[in-house]
Structure formats: C-alpha cells, structure tokens
Amino acid sequence: MKKTLTIIILFCFIFLYIPPIFSQEEQKKPEEKSLEPPPERPLPTYVPGGRRDPFRDLLGGKEVKESAAVGEEGQLSIDDVVLVGITKAKGKFTAIINDPQGFPHFIKVGHKFSDGFVLKIDESTVVFRKTRGRGVPLRTPRDIVKALFPEER
C-alpha cells in the first residue's frame, strides 16, 4: 500500500511540474521577434486640383542675388525721412527715423541712402551728407541737418 501511494504521489508531482516546464518553453517561442521587415506604406502624393503646389521650389534652383529690398539701405531718400528719436547705447548714438510709409528704421553713422549717407549723430541732431541730386552726383556735397526739436532753434 505504501508503494502504490508513493507511486501515485510521484506521478502527481511529475504531472504538476512537467506541464509548466513545457508551457514556459512554448511561451518563449511567441516572444521571439520575427525578422521580417514591416510592410511598406505608400508615400503620400499631392493632388493639386488646379492649385499651386506648395512643396515645389519657387526659385527653380536659381541663385538669388543679394540686393537691397524696398525701404532698406540705399533705397530711401534723405529728403523723405523724418527724424523721430535718438538713442545712446555703449557710447554710440543711433537715430530712429520714419520712412514715407511710416515704418521706423534705426540708422547709425555711415548708413547709406539713395542720395547720400549719415555723417554725424549727436544728442538732438542728425547730419546727413547729400552727394547726389535726382540721381546725378553733386559737384559739392551738401550737409542737411535734421533736429529732434526744430522749434527750439
């Protein structure tokens, strides 16, 4: 009787422990990653439908020359600017002017205009040197003084 009881207990242990061993091996197999590449997705395409393609290069690979834009250096005339203010930073003066459209510009000594350049800036005045008149070089350059407070003089 003892022999049969030990055999039954032995079989119970074998059947209880062997299936988890097999199940662990079976669980490892699905965890292994497949080496197949993922399926390729189709690339998106642009359908213009009569509209301009926003992804197309507008310059078409052409080089753009650096030139002064409207309102930048060399485009304004000295007669057209209005002196708005003068600031001083790090011992140097910077003048604030408005162009004919009312946009502000910051100028320093040496800033070029279409008909001259800035000669000097002090606490209340800006001295412009006019070298051209109506596109023609002047024989003798003229100095034009624009003051912040012209009525005080």
Protein backbone atom coordinates (compact mmCIF):
# COMPACT_ATOMS: atom_id res chain seq x y z
CA MET A 1 0.00 0.00 0.00
CA LYS A 2 2.84 2.31 0.74
CA LYS A 3 4.35 1.55 -2.61
CA THR A 4 1.22 2.49 -4.54
CA LEU A 5 0.76 5.61 -2.51
CA THR A 6 4.34 6.75 -3.24
CA ILE A 7 3.91 5.94 -6.93
CA ILE A 8 0.70 7.99 -7.09
CA ILE A 9 2.35 10.92 -5.32
CA LEU A 10 5.37 10.65 -7.62
CA PHE A 11 3.13 10.72 -10.71
CA CYS A 12 1.23 13.72 -9.33
CA PHE A 13 4.46 15.67 -8.87
CA ILE A 14 5.65 14.72 -12.33
CA PHE A 15 2.40 15.81 -13.97
CA LEU A 16 2.23 19.00 -11.94
CA TYR A 17 5.78 20.16 -12.67
CA ILE A 18 6.33 18.93 -16.21
CA PRO A 19 3.49 20.89 -17.91
CA PRO A 20 4.76 24.26 -16.58
CA ILE A 21 8.21 23.44 -17.97
CA PHE A 22 6.71 22.74 -21.39
CA SER A 23 4.45 25.77 -21.19
CA GLN A 24 7.45 28.05 -20.40
CA GLU A 25 9.23 26.81 -23.50
CA GLU A 26 6.10 27.35 -25.54
CA GLN A 27 5.75 30.89 -24.14
CA LYS A 28 9.29 31.78 -25.22
CA LYS A 29 8.59 30.90 -28.84
CA PRO A 30 5.89 33.57 -29.38
CA GLU A 31 8.04 36.19 -27.62
CA GLU A 32 10.78 35.84 -30.21
CA LYS A 33 10.59 38.71 -32.69
CA SER A 34 10.22 37.98 -36.33
CA LEU A 35 12.95 39.30 -38.60
CA GLU A 36 10.57 40.19 -41.40
CA PRO A 37 10.60 43.86 -42.42
CA PRO A 38 7.41 45.80 -41.74
CA PRO A 39 5.10 46.23 -44.69
CA GLU A 40 5.88 49.31 -46.79
CA ARG A 41 3.38 52.15 -46.68
CA PRO A 42 2.56 54.03 -49.83
CA LEU A 43 4.08 57.52 -49.92
CA PRO A 44 1.59 60.39 -49.83
CA THR A 45 1.15 62.25 -53.07
CA TYR A 46 -0.07 65.78 -53.67
CA VAL A 47 -3.05 66.25 -55.93
CA PRO A 48 -3.07 69.91 -56.98
CA GLY A 49 -6.62 70.09 -58.27
CA GLY A 50 -5.86 73.32 -60.14
CA ARG A 51 -3.96 74.88 -57.22
CA ARG A 52 -0.28 75.79 -56.95
CA ASP A 53 1.92 73.04 -55.48
CA PRO A 54 3.10 74.38 -52.08
CA PHE A 55 6.01 71.92 -51.96
CA ARG A 56 7.56 72.97 -55.29
CA ASP A 57 10.66 75.19 -55.18
CA LEU A 58 9.55 78.60 -56.41
CA LEU A 59 13.05 79.63 -57.44
CA GLY A 60 13.58 76.52 -59.54
CA GLY A 61 17.17 76.09 -58.33
CA LYS A 62 18.25 79.58 -59.45
CA GLU A 63 20.64 81.62 -57.33
CA VAL A 64 19.20 84.82 -55.90
CA LYS A 65 21.43 87.89 -55.88
CA GLU A 66 21.61 89.77 -52.61
CA SER A 67 20.10 93.19 -53.24
CA ALA A 68 18.60 95.82 -51.01
CA ALA A 69 14.87 95.44 -50.56
CA VAL A 70 12.50 98.36 -50.72
CA GLY A 71 12.93 100.55 -47.66
CA GLU A 72 16.34 99.17 -46.77
CA GLU A 73 19.79 100.64 -47.11
CA GLY A 74 20.26 102.66 -50.29
CA GLN A 75 16.56 102.92 -51.18
CA LEU A 76 15.40 105.86 -49.05
CA SER A 77 15.98 109.48 -49.92
CA ILE A 78 17.31 111.86 -47.27
CA ASP A 79 14.52 114.36 -48.04
CA ASP A 80 11.80 111.74 -47.41
CA VAL A 81 12.85 110.62 -43.91
CA VAL A 82 11.50 112.10 -40.67
CA LEU A 83 13.65 112.09 -37.53
CA VAL A 84 11.68 110.53 -34.65
CA GLY A 85 14.26 109.97 -31.92
CA ILE A 86 17.88 109.44 -30.93
CA THR A 87 19.18 106.82 -28.50
CA LYS A 88 22.60 106.28 -26.97
CA ALA A 89 23.93 102.80 -26.20
CA LYS A 90 27.51 101.89 -25.33
CA GLY A 91 28.62 105.44 -26.09
CA LYS A 92 27.27 105.41 -29.67
CA PHE A 93 24.22 107.26 -30.96
CA THR A 94 21.51 105.60 -33.03
CA ALA A 95 18.83 107.64 -34.77
CA ILE A 96 15.27 106.45 -35.29
CA ILE A 97 13.68 107.67 -38.50
CA ASN A 98 10.37 107.05 -40.27
CA ASP A 99 10.18 106.38 -43.99
CA PRO A 100 7.38 107.89 -46.15
CA GLN A 101 5.08 104.94 -45.30
CA GLY A 102 5.64 105.50 -41.56
CA PHE A 103 7.83 102.46 -40.90
CA PRO A 104 10.64 103.04 -38.38
CA HIS A 105 14.31 102.44 -39.22
CA PHE A 106 17.38 102.56 -36.98
CA ILE A 107 20.40 104.29 -38.53
CA LYS A 108 23.96 104.85 -37.37
CA VAL A 109 26.84 106.94 -38.65
CA GLY A 110 27.76 105.77 -42.15
CA HIS A 111 24.29 104.43 -43.05
CA LYS A 112 23.77 104.88 -46.81
CA PHE A 113 20.76 106.38 -48.55
CA SER A 114 19.98 106.65 -52.26
CA ASP A 115 21.31 110.22 -52.35
CA GLY A 116 23.86 110.32 -49.50
CA PHE A 117 24.79 108.98 -46.07
CA VAL A 118 24.72 109.79 -42.35
CA LEU A 119 27.69 111.97 -41.45
CA LYS A 120 27.15 112.62 -37.72
CA ILE A 121 24.65 111.91 -34.94
CA ASP A 122 24.62 113.79 -31.63
CA GLU A 123 22.10 114.20 -28.78
CA SER A 124 19.50 116.19 -30.70
CA THR A 125 20.54 116.33 -34.39
CA VAL A 126 21.48 114.10 -37.29
CA VAL A 127 23.73 115.44 -40.04
CA PHE A 128 23.22 113.89 -43.48
CA ARG A 129 25.68 114.44 -46.35
CA LYS A 130 23.83 114.64 -49.64
CA THR A 131 26.09 113.54 -52.52
CA ARG A 132 23.50 113.04 -55.27
CA GLY A 133 20.58 115.09 -56.52
CA ARG A 134 17.94 113.41 -58.71
CA GLY A 135 20.34 110.57 -59.45
CA VAL A 136 23.15 112.86 -60.62
CA PRO A 137 26.29 113.34 -58.47
CA LEU A 138 26.55 116.83 -56.97
CA ARG A 139 29.70 118.92 -57.58
CA THR A 140 29.89 119.90 -53.91
CA PRO A 141 28.18 117.72 -51.30
CA ARG A 142 25.58 119.43 -49.11
CA ASP A 143 25.08 118.80 -45.40
CA ILE A 144 21.45 118.52 -44.29
CA VAL A 145 20.75 118.82 -40.55
CA LYS A 146 17.58 117.28 -39.11
CA ALA A 147 16.83 118.14 -35.49
CA LEU A 148 14.55 116.44 -32.97
CA PHE A 149 13.11 119.73 -31.78
CA PRO A 150 13.38 122.19 -34.71
CA GLU A 151 11.25 124.89 -32.98
CA GLU A 152 13.86 125.36 -30.20
CA ARG A 153 16.47 126.71 -32.60
